[in-house]
Amino acid sequence: MKRTHFIAAAIAVLAVLVVLIAPVAADNNLTDHIIEVSGYGESTTTPDKATISLGIETIDKIAFKAQEENARIMKKVISALKAAGIKEENIKTNQYSMYSYEIYDYNKLDGFNIGDTVYSVTNTVEVITYDVDSVGEVIDKAIEAGANKVNRLQFGLSNEKQKEQRNAAIYSAVKAARADADAVAAALGIRVTGTGVISVSQSYNAVSYANVSMDSVAMKSASPSPVAPAEVAGGTQISSGTLSTTATVSIVFTY
């Protein structure tokens, strides 16, 4: 008799569990009602940051003289950069080297003879300016002061503007994804009711001009006397163009 009562109680408990579980199972089936789409967004703007790599190369048969001349010119260049509005914290040495080599026919320099052993000293500084319109003037001032190398010029975005453009690109990507989801829903005769998993990725590419040619002002002797660009062609003209920030999102929409 007791065994019969126990079995009956167990059956009753199972029945209750079935009643409770059935709605949950039905709700779980709703997770199958999804539309998964990707969206691409892009935001274009003009750069507000420029990074310039400027250098000085001096050559002499005596290492110390090449080094001394290089230091003298670099002091003038840094003073000229500051006078052009570049802050001291935005001027940074990023390369300094000295090496020796022998003069041959193919690398002959004015003031030296074939067979001479000379020393080359190069000092390069990285300059950052947030006044993009002044880049040409900054280069001119540096060359007038004695710089004879422009190794790299790169345009980019300040941290504040980069964040602003990233947000704009993400917003555009999300709008595109929602438009696709709505189009799918309309074609199926259903309605988007919510969202599930959302993932975001983005990329930002600066425009870089590497190894800018400076043949017109390249050093031809141990004591370079470059011609000021302003005297040659009315100043260096630099065009920054535009930069694009892109974003891609993947969104699961529910219906």
C-alpha atoms as a PDB file:
ATOM      1  CA  MET A   1       0.000   0.000   0.000  1.00  0.00           C
ATOM      2  CA  LYS A   2       2.797   2.373   0.892  1.00  0.00           C
ATOM      3  CA  ARG A   3       4.581   1.511  -2.353  1.00  0.00           C
ATOM      4  CA  THR A   4       1.450   2.406  -4.320  1.00  0.00           C
ATOM      5  CA  HIS A   5       1.182   5.762  -2.538  1.00  0.00           C
ATOM      6  CA  PHE A   6       4.888   6.487  -3.303  1.00  0.00           C
ATOM      7  CA  ILE A   7       4.476   5.771  -7.015  1.00  0.00           C
ATOM      8  CA  ALA A   8       1.397   7.943  -7.198  1.00  0.00           C
ATOM      9  CA  ALA A   9       3.235  10.815  -5.512  1.00  0.00           C
ATOM     10  CA  ALA A  10       6.163  10.497  -7.928  1.00  0.00           C
ATOM     11  CA  ILE A  11       3.818  10.591 -10.910  1.00  0.00           C
ATOM     12  CA  ALA A  12       2.196  13.708  -9.532  1.00  0.00           C
ATOM     13  CA  VAL A  13       5.566  15.430  -9.093  1.00  0.00           C
ATOM     14  CA  LEU A  14       6.580  14.557 -12.664  1.00  0.00           C
ATOM     15  CA  ALA A  15       3.332  15.951 -13.973  1.00  0.00           C
ATOM     16  CA  VAL A  16       3.969  19.249 -12.204  1.00  0.00           C
ATOM     17  CA  LEU A  17       7.500  19.396 -13.639  1.00  0.00           C
ATOM     18  CA  VAL A  18       6.205  18.792 -17.151  1.00  0.00           C
ATOM     19  CA  VAL A  19       3.747  21.644 -16.733  1.00  0.00           C
ATOM     20  CA  LEU A  20       6.520  23.956 -15.515  1.00  0.00           C
ATOM     21  CA  ILE A  21       9.099  22.947 -18.122  1.00  0.00           C
ATOM     22  CA  ALA A  22       6.797  23.095 -21.150  1.00  0.00           C
ATOM     23  CA  PRO A  23       6.507  26.950 -21.236  1.00  0.00           C
ATOM     24  CA  VAL A  24      10.289  27.294 -20.785  1.00  0.00           C
ATOM     25  CA  ALA A  25      10.899  24.969 -23.700  1.00  0.00           C
ATOM     26  CA  ALA A  26       8.463  26.983 -25.764  1.00  0.00           C
ATOM     27  CA  ASP A  27      10.263  30.208 -24.782  1.00  0.00           C
ATOM     28  CA  ASN A  28      13.638  28.690 -25.679  1.00  0.00           C
ATOM     29  CA  ASN A  29      12.336  27.998 -29.145  1.00  0.00           C
ATOM     30  CA  LEU A  30      12.088  31.755 -29.583  1.00  0.00           C
ATOM     31  CA  THR A  31      15.883  31.920 -29.746  1.00  0.00           C
ATOM     32  CA  ASP A  32      15.612  30.287 -33.138  1.00  0.00           C
ATOM     33  CA  HIS A  33      13.761  33.349 -34.395  1.00  0.00           C
ATOM     34  CA  ILE A  34      16.815  35.390 -35.322  1.00  0.00           C
ATOM     35  CA  ILE A  35      18.183  37.385 -38.246  1.00  0.00           C
ATOM     36  CA  GLU A  36      21.979  37.713 -38.250  1.00  0.00           C
ATOM     37  CA  VAL A  37      23.392  40.541 -40.372  1.00  0.00           C
ATOM     38  CA  SER A  38      26.605  42.549 -40.803  1.00  0.00           C
ATOM     39  CA  GLY A  39      26.868  46.280 -41.404  1.00  0.00           C
ATOM     40  CA  TYR A  40      29.684  48.442 -42.764  1.00  0.00           C
ATOM     41  CA  GLY A  41      30.147  52.118 -41.938  1.00  0.00           C
ATOM     42  CA  GLU A  42      32.657  54.757 -42.956  1.00  0.00           C
ATOM     43  CA  SER A  43      33.396  58.285 -41.794  1.00  0.00           C
ATOM     44  CA  THR A  44      35.680  60.606 -43.764  1.00  0.00           C
ATOM     45  CA  THR A  45      37.360  63.755 -42.492  1.00  0.00           C
ATOM     46  CA  THR A  46      40.435  65.917 -42.935  1.00  0.00           C
ATOM     47  CA  PRO A  47      43.443  65.117 -40.713  1.00  0.00           C
ATOM     48  CA  ASP A  48      44.320  67.383 -37.804  1.00  0.00           C
ATOM     49  CA  LYS A  49      47.736  65.884 -37.013  1.00  0.00           C
ATOM     50  CA  ALA A  50      50.976  65.615 -39.001  1.00  0.00           C
ATOM     51  CA  THR A  51      54.193  63.800 -38.106  1.00  0.00           C
ATOM     52  CA  ILE A  52      57.357  64.849 -39.927  1.00  0.00           C
ATOM     53  CA  SER A  53      60.730  63.123 -39.752  1.00  0.00           C
ATOM     54  CA  LEU A  54      63.505  65.666 -40.411  1.00  0.00           C
ATOM     55  CA  GLY A  55      67.216  64.940 -40.470  1.00  0.00           C
ATOM     56  CA  ILE A  56      70.672  66.413 -40.784  1.00  0.00           C
ATOM     57  CA  GLU A  57      73.602  64.618 -42.377  1.00  0.00           C
ATOM     58  CA  THR A  58      77.114  66.029 -42.131  1.00  0.00           C
ATOM     59  CA  ILE A  59      80.295  64.557 -43.616  1.00  0.00           C
ATOM     60  CA  ASP A  60      83.940  65.220 -42.794  1.00  0.00           C
ATOM     61  CA  LYS A  61      87.271  63.431 -42.904  1.00  0.00           C
ATOM     62  CA  ILE A  62      87.509  63.961 -39.150  1.00  0.00           C
ATOM     63  CA  ALA A  63      84.777  62.274 -37.105  1.00  0.00           C
ATOM     64  CA  PHE A  64      84.693  64.955 -34.413  1.00  0.00           C
ATOM     65  CA  LYS A  65      84.258  67.738 -36.965  1.00  0.00           C
ATOM     66  CA  ALA A  66      81.343  65.933 -38.623  1.00  0.00           C
ATOM     67  CA  GLN A  67      79.738  65.450 -35.222  1.00  0.00           C
ATOM     68  CA  GLU A  68      80.371  69.022 -34.123  1.00  0.00           C
ATOM     69  CA  GLU A  69      78.905  70.458 -37.324  1.00  0.00           C
ATOM     70  CA  ASN A  70      75.862  68.235 -37.022  1.00  0.00           C
ATOM     71  CA  ALA A  71      75.203  69.388 -33.457  1.00  0.00           C
ATOM     72  CA  ARG A  72      75.559  73.032 -34.480  1.00  0.00           C
ATOM     73  CA  ILE A  73      73.038  72.707 -37.302  1.00  0.00           C
ATOM     74  CA  MET A  74      70.573  70.688 -35.210  1.00  0.00           C
ATOM     75  CA  LYS A  75      70.469  73.460 -32.608  1.00  0.00           C
ATOM     76  CA  LYS A  76      69.534  75.905 -35.362  1.00  0.00           C
ATOM     77  CA  VAL A  77      66.885  73.535 -36.749  1.00  0.00           C
ATOM     78  CA  ILE A  78      65.250  72.993 -33.360  1.00  0.00           C
ATOM     79  CA  SER A  79      65.200  76.748 -32.711  1.00  0.00           C
ATOM     80  CA  ALA A  80      63.584  77.274 -36.119  1.00  0.00           C
ATOM     81  CA  LEU A  81      60.974  74.601 -35.398  1.00  0.00           C
ATOM     82  CA  LYS A  82      60.061  76.217 -32.091  1.00  0.00           C
ATOM     83  CA  ALA A  83      59.845  79.608 -33.807  1.00  0.00           C
ATOM     84  CA  ALA A  84      57.429  78.013 -36.298  1.00  0.00           C
ATOM     85  CA  GLY A  85      55.114  77.075 -33.422  1.00  0.00           C
ATOM     86  CA  ILE A  86      56.213  73.516 -32.638  1.00  0.00           C
ATOM     87  CA  LYS A  87      56.128  72.778 -28.913  1.00  0.00           C
ATOM     88  CA  GLU A  88      59.249  71.322 -27.309  1.00  0.00           C
ATOM     89  CA  GLU A  89      57.401  68.165 -26.214  1.00  0.00           C
ATOM     90  CA  ASN A  90      56.500  67.544 -29.864  1.00  0.00           C
ATOM     91  CA  ILE A  91      60.142  67.418 -30.995  1.00  0.00           C
ATOM     92  CA  LYS A  92      61.817  64.069 -30.347  1.00  0.00           C
ATOM     93  CA  THR A  93      65.100  62.540 -31.503  1.00  0.00           C
ATOM     94  CA  ASN A  94      64.349  59.194 -33.130  1.00  0.00           C
ATOM     95  CA  GLN A  95      67.681  58.322 -34.752  1.00  0.00           C
ATOM     96  CA  TYR A  96      71.349  59.209 -34.408  1.00  0.00           C
ATOM     97  CA  SER A  97      74.149  57.433 -36.276  1.00  0.00           C
ATOM     98  CA  MET A  98      77.766  57.753 -37.363  1.00  0.00           C
ATOM     99  CA  TYR A  99      79.611  55.605 -39.862  1.00  0.00           C
ATOM    100  CA  SER A 100      82.658  55.843 -42.115  1.00  0.00           C
ATOM    101  CA  TYR A 101      83.156  54.963 -45.766  1.00  0.00           C
ATOM    102  CA  GLU A 102      85.611  55.477 -48.589  1.00  0.00           C
ATOM    103  CA  ILE A 103      85.046  57.860 -51.490  1.00  0.00           C
ATOM    104  CA  TYR A 104      84.855  56.221 -54.915  1.00  0.00           C
ATOM    105  CA  ASP A 105      83.791  57.463 -58.350  1.00  0.00           C
ATOM    106  CA  TYR A 106      80.156  56.476 -57.771  1.00  0.00           C
ATOM    107  CA  ASN A 107      79.818  58.327 -54.447  1.00  0.00           C
ATOM    108  CA  LYS A 108      82.130  61.282 -54.987  1.00  0.00           C
ATOM    109  CA  LEU A 109      81.313  64.398 -53.000  1.00  0.00           C
ATOM    110  CA  ASP A 110      82.435  67.955 -53.619  1.00  0.00           C
ATOM    111  CA  GLY A 111      85.392  68.813 -51.416  1.00  0.00           C
ATOM    112  CA  PHE A 112      86.653  65.243 -51.142  1.00  0.00           C
ATOM    113  CA  ASN A 113      89.011  63.137 -53.225  1.00  0.00           C
ATOM    114  CA  ILE A 114      88.655  59.573 -54.400  1.00  0.00           C
ATOM    115  CA  GLY A 115      90.231  57.337 -51.774  1.00  0.00           C
ATOM    116  CA  ASP A 116      89.396  59.624 -48.829  1.00  0.00           C
ATOM    117  CA  THR A 117      87.813  57.999 -45.795  1.00  0.00           C
ATOM    118  CA  VAL A 118      84.992  60.175 -44.503  1.00  0.00           C
ATOM    119  CA  TYR A 119      82.632  60.107 -41.560  1.00  0.00           C
ATOM    120  CA  SER A 120      78.893  60.607 -41.952  1.00  0.00           C
ATOM    121  CA  VAL A 121      76.834  61.751 -38.954  1.00  0.00           C
ATOM    122  CA  THR A 122      73.029  61.700 -39.175  1.00  0.00           C
ATOM    123  CA  ASN A 123      70.640  63.086 -36.583  1.00  0.00           C
ATOM    124  CA  THR A 124      66.897  62.716 -37.136  1.00  0.00           C
ATOM    125  CA  VAL A 125      64.045  64.274 -35.174  1.00  0.00           C
ATOM    126  CA  GLU A 126      60.343  63.493 -35.246  1.00  0.00           C
ATOM    127  CA  VAL A 127      58.135  66.559 -35.242  1.00  0.00           C
ATOM    128  CA  ILE A 128      54.408  66.560 -34.497  1.00  0.00           C
ATOM    129  CA  THR A 129      52.123  69.452 -35.356  1.00  0.00           C
ATOM    130  CA  TYR A 130      48.367  69.782 -34.942  1.00  0.00           C
ATOM    131  CA  ASP A 131      48.281  72.669 -37.409  1.00  0.00           C
ATOM    132  CA  VAL A 132      48.184  70.676 -40.649  1.00  0.00           C
ATOM    133  CA  ASP A 133      48.084  73.810 -42.792  1.00  0.00           C
ATOM    134  CA  SER A 134      51.534  74.779 -41.489  1.00  0.00           C
ATOM    135  CA  VAL A 135      53.330  71.577 -42.553  1.00  0.00           C
ATOM    136  CA  GLY A 136      54.872  73.128 -45.665  1.00  0.00           C
ATOM    137  CA  GLU A 137      56.102  76.114 -43.664  1.00  0.00           C
ATOM    138  CA  VAL A 138      57.561  73.856 -40.948  1.00  0.00           C
ATOM    139  CA  ILE A 139      59.523  71.915 -43.560  1.00  0.00           C
ATOM    140  CA  ASP A 140      60.728  75.145 -45.182  1.00  0.00           C
ATOM    141  CA  LYS A 141      61.900  76.615 -41.885  1.00  0.00           C
ATOM    142  CA  ALA A 142      63.769  73.433 -40.976  1.00  0.00           C
ATOM    143  CA  ILE A 143      65.530  73.307 -44.349  1.00  0.00           C
ATOM    144  CA  GLU A 144      66.401  76.983 -44.196  1.00  0.00           C
ATOM    145  CA  ALA A 145      68.030  76.283 -40.818  1.00  0.00           C
ATOM    146  CA  GLY A 146      70.152  73.471 -42.288  1.00  0.00           C
ATOM    147  CA  ALA A 147      68.082  70.262 -42.363  1.00  0.00           C
ATOM    148  CA  ASN A 148      68.821  68.266 -45.521  1.00  0.00           C
ATOM    149  CA  LYS A 149      66.645  65.182 -45.069  1.00  0.00           C
ATOM    150  CA  VAL A 150      62.887  64.708 -44.947  1.00  0.00           C
ATOM    151  CA  ASN A 151      62.478  60.994 -44.327  1.00  0.00           C
ATOM    152  CA  ARG A 152      58.776  60.663 -43.692  1.00  0.00           C
ATOM    153  CA  LEU A 153      55.575  62.675 -43.620  1.00  0.00           C
ATOM    154  CA  GLN A 154      52.438  61.180 -42.124  1.00  0.00           C
ATOM    155  CA  PHE A 155      48.964  62.625 -41.634  1.00  0.00           C
ATOM    156  CA  GLY A 156      46.650  61.332 -38.937  1.00  0.00           C
ATOM    157  CA  LEU A 157      44.007  62.201 -36.391  1.00  0.00           C
ATOM    158  CA  SER A 158      44.338  63.475 -32.848  1.00  0.00           C
ATOM    159  CA  ASN A 159      42.998  61.176 -30.126  1.00  0.00           C
ATOM    160  CA  GLU A 160      39.870  63.298 -29.721  1.00  0.00           C
ATOM    161  CA  LYS A 161      39.065  63.408 -33.430  1.00  0.00           C
ATOM    162  CA  GLN A 162      39.879  59.722 -33.886  1.00  0.00           C
ATOM    163  CA  LYS A 163      37.336  58.824 -31.196  1.00  0.00           C
ATOM    164  CA  GLU A 164      34.750  61.100 -32.807  1.00  0.00           C
ATOM    165  CA  GLN A 165      35.271  59.479 -36.223  1.00  0.00           C
ATOM    166  CA  ARG A 166      35.206  55.976 -34.776  1.00  0.00           C
ATOM    167  CA  ASN A 167      31.845  56.624 -33.151  1.00  0.00           C
ATOM    168  CA  ALA A 168      30.479  58.049 -36.409  1.00  0.00           C
ATOM    169  CA  ALA A 169      31.651  54.984 -38.361  1.00  0.00           C
ATOM    170  CA  ILE A 170      30.107  52.592 -35.826  1.00  0.00           C
ATOM    171  CA  TYR A 171      26.808  54.510 -35.896  1.00  0.00           C
ATOM    172  CA  SER A 172      26.779  54.266 -39.693  1.00  0.00           C
ATOM    173  CA  ALA A 173      27.520  50.537 -39.576  1.00  0.00           C
ATOM    174  CA  VAL A 174      24.732  49.855 -37.068  1.00  0.00           C
ATOM    175  CA  LYS A 175      22.238  51.816 -39.194  1.00  0.00           C
ATOM    176  CA  ALA A 176      23.243  49.743 -42.230  1.00  0.00           C
ATOM    177  CA  ALA A 177      22.834  46.491 -40.310  1.00  0.00           C
ATOM    178  CA  ARG A 178      19.387  47.492 -39.031  1.00  0.00           C
ATOM    179  CA  ALA A 179      18.299  48.471 -42.537  1.00  0.00           C
ATOM    180  CA  ASP A 180      19.279  45.007 -43.796  1.00  0.00           C
ATOM    181  CA  ALA A 181      17.465  43.293 -40.929  1.00  0.00           C
ATOM    182  CA  ASP A 182      14.315  45.338 -41.610  1.00  0.00           C
ATOM    183  CA  ALA A 183      14.504  44.449 -45.310  1.00  0.00           C
ATOM    184  CA  VAL A 184      14.740  40.736 -44.493  1.00  0.00           C
ATOM    185  CA  ALA A 185      11.879  40.998 -41.991  1.00  0.00           C
ATOM    186  CA  ALA A 186       9.676  42.843 -44.483  1.00  0.00           C
ATOM    187  CA  ALA A 187      10.311  40.213 -47.137  1.00  0.00           C
ATOM    188  CA  LEU A 188       9.287  37.475 -44.677  1.00  0.00           C
ATOM    189  CA  GLY A 189       6.282  39.373 -43.347  1.00  0.00           C
ATOM    190  CA  ILE A 190       7.658  39.526 -39.819  1.00  0.00           C
ATOM    191  CA  ARG A 191       8.781  42.313 -37.492  1.00  0.00           C
ATOM    192  CA  VAL A 192      12.105  42.855 -35.717  1.00  0.00           C
ATOM    193  CA  THR A 193      11.475  42.957 -31.972  1.00  0.00           C
ATOM    194  CA  GLY A 194      14.931  43.066 -30.372  1.00  0.00           C
ATOM    195  CA  THR A 195      18.626  42.287 -30.563  1.00  0.00           C
ATOM    196  CA  GLY A 196      20.949  39.550 -29.408  1.00  0.00           C
ATOM    197  CA  VAL A 197      24.734  39.341 -29.652  1.00  0.00           C
ATOM    198  CA  ILE A 198      26.475  42.411 -31.121  1.00  0.00           C
ATOM    199  CA  SER A 199      30.157  42.556 -32.125  1.00  0.00           C
ATOM    200  CA  VAL A 200      32.118  45.541 -33.437  1.00  0.00           C
ATOM    201  CA  SER A 201      35.427  45.923 -35.245  1.00  0.00           C
ATOM    202  CA  GLN A 202      37.001  48.989 -36.816  1.00  0.00           C
ATOM    203  CA  SER A 203      40.124  50.111 -38.623  1.00  0.00           C
ATOM    204  CA  TYR A 204      41.824  53.479 -39.027  1.00  0.00           C
ATOM    205  CA  ASN A 205      44.532  54.163 -41.577  1.00  0.00           C
ATOM    206  CA  ALA A 206      46.761  57.221 -41.668  1.00  0.00           C
ATOM    207  CA  VAL A 207      48.065  58.496 -44.995  1.00  0.00           C
ATOM    208  CA  SER A 208      51.843  58.222 -45.097  1.00  0.00           C
ATOM    209  CA  TYR A 209      54.325  59.630 -47.584  1.00  0.00           C
ATOM    210  CA  ALA A 210      57.632  57.863 -46.963  1.00  0.00           C
ATOM    211  CA  ASN A 211      61.110  58.874 -48.109  1.00  0.00           C
ATOM    212  CA  VAL A 212      60.132  62.296 -49.385  1.00  0.00           C
ATOM    213  CA  SER A 213      62.609  63.345 -52.081  1.00  0.00           C
ATOM    214  CA  MET A 214      64.712  66.350 -51.199  1.00  0.00           C
ATOM    215  CA  ASP A 215      67.164  66.237 -54.129  1.00  0.00           C
ATOM    216  CA  SER A 216      66.985  69.990 -54.604  1.00  0.00           C
ATOM    217  CA  VAL A 217      68.366  70.566 -51.128  1.00  0.00           C
ATOM    218  CA  ALA A 218      70.378  67.368 -50.592  1.00  0.00           C
ATOM    219  CA  MET A 219      73.784  67.769 -49.046  1.00  0.00           C
ATOM    220  CA  LYS A 220      76.613  67.828 -51.617  1.00  0.00           C
ATOM    221  CA  SER A 221      79.479  68.741 -49.304  1.00  0.00           C
ATOM    222  CA  ALA A 222      80.593  68.653 -45.680  1.00  0.00           C
ATOM    223  CA  SER A 223      79.097  72.117 -45.094  1.00  0.00           C
ATOM    224  CA  PRO A 224      75.690  72.050 -46.804  1.00  0.00           C
ATOM    225  CA  SER A 225      74.144  75.319 -47.953  1.00  0.00           C
ATOM    226  CA  PRO A 226      70.643  74.324 -49.043  1.00  0.00           C
ATOM    227  CA  VAL A 227      68.589  76.698 -51.138  1.00  0.00           C
ATOM    228  CA  ALA A 228      65.529  77.880 -49.252  1.00  0.00           C
ATOM    229  CA  PRO A 229      62.385  76.334 -50.812  1.00  0.00           C
ATOM    230  CA  ALA A 230      60.632  79.698 -50.558  1.00  0.00           C
ATOM    231  CA  GLU A 231      63.252  81.132 -52.918  1.00  0.00           C
ATOM    232  CA  VAL A 232      62.884  78.243 -55.353  1.00  0.00           C
ATOM    233  CA  ALA A 233      59.158  77.687 -55.751  1.00  0.00           C
ATOM    234  CA  GLY A 234      57.284  79.959 -53.372  1.00  0.00           C
ATOM    235  CA  GLY A 235      57.379  77.526 -50.451  1.00  0.00           C
ATOM    236  CA  THR A 236      56.703  73.831 -50.055  1.00  0.00           C
ATOM    237  CA  GLN A 237      53.119  72.937 -50.923  1.00  0.00           C
ATOM    238  CA  ILE A 238      51.617  70.031 -48.951  1.00  0.00           C
ATOM    239  CA  SER A 239      48.114  68.611 -49.406  1.00  0.00           C
ATOM    240  CA  SER A 240      46.825  66.395 -46.613  1.00  0.00           C
ATOM    241  CA  GLY A 241      43.769  64.993 -48.393  1.00  0.00           C
ATOM    242  CA  THR A 242      41.230  63.090 -46.295  1.00  0.00           C
ATOM    243  CA  LEU A 243      41.282  60.096 -43.950  1.00  0.00           C
ATOM    244  CA  SER A 244      38.642  57.409 -43.568  1.00  0.00           C
ATOM    245  CA  THR A 245      37.677  55.554 -40.425  1.00  0.00           C
ATOM    246  CA  THR A 246      35.743  52.352 -41.048  1.00  0.00           C
ATOM    247  CA  ALA A 247      33.716  50.042 -38.820  1.00  0.00           C
ATOM    248  CA  THR A 248      32.061  46.664 -39.241  1.00  0.00           C
ATOM    249  CA  VAL A 249      29.382  45.299 -36.927  1.00  0.00           C
ATOM    250  CA  SER A 250      27.683  41.925 -36.659  1.00  0.00           C
ATOM    251  CA  ILE A 251      24.243  42.016 -35.013  1.00  0.00           C
ATOM    252  CA  VAL A 252      21.753  39.314 -34.172  1.00  0.00           C
ATOM    253  CA  PHE A 253      18.196  40.658 -34.386  1.00  0.00           C
ATOM    254  CA  THR A 254      15.228  38.748 -32.953  1.00  0.00           C
ATOM    255  CA  TYR A 255      11.660  38.555 -34.238  1.00  0.00           C
END
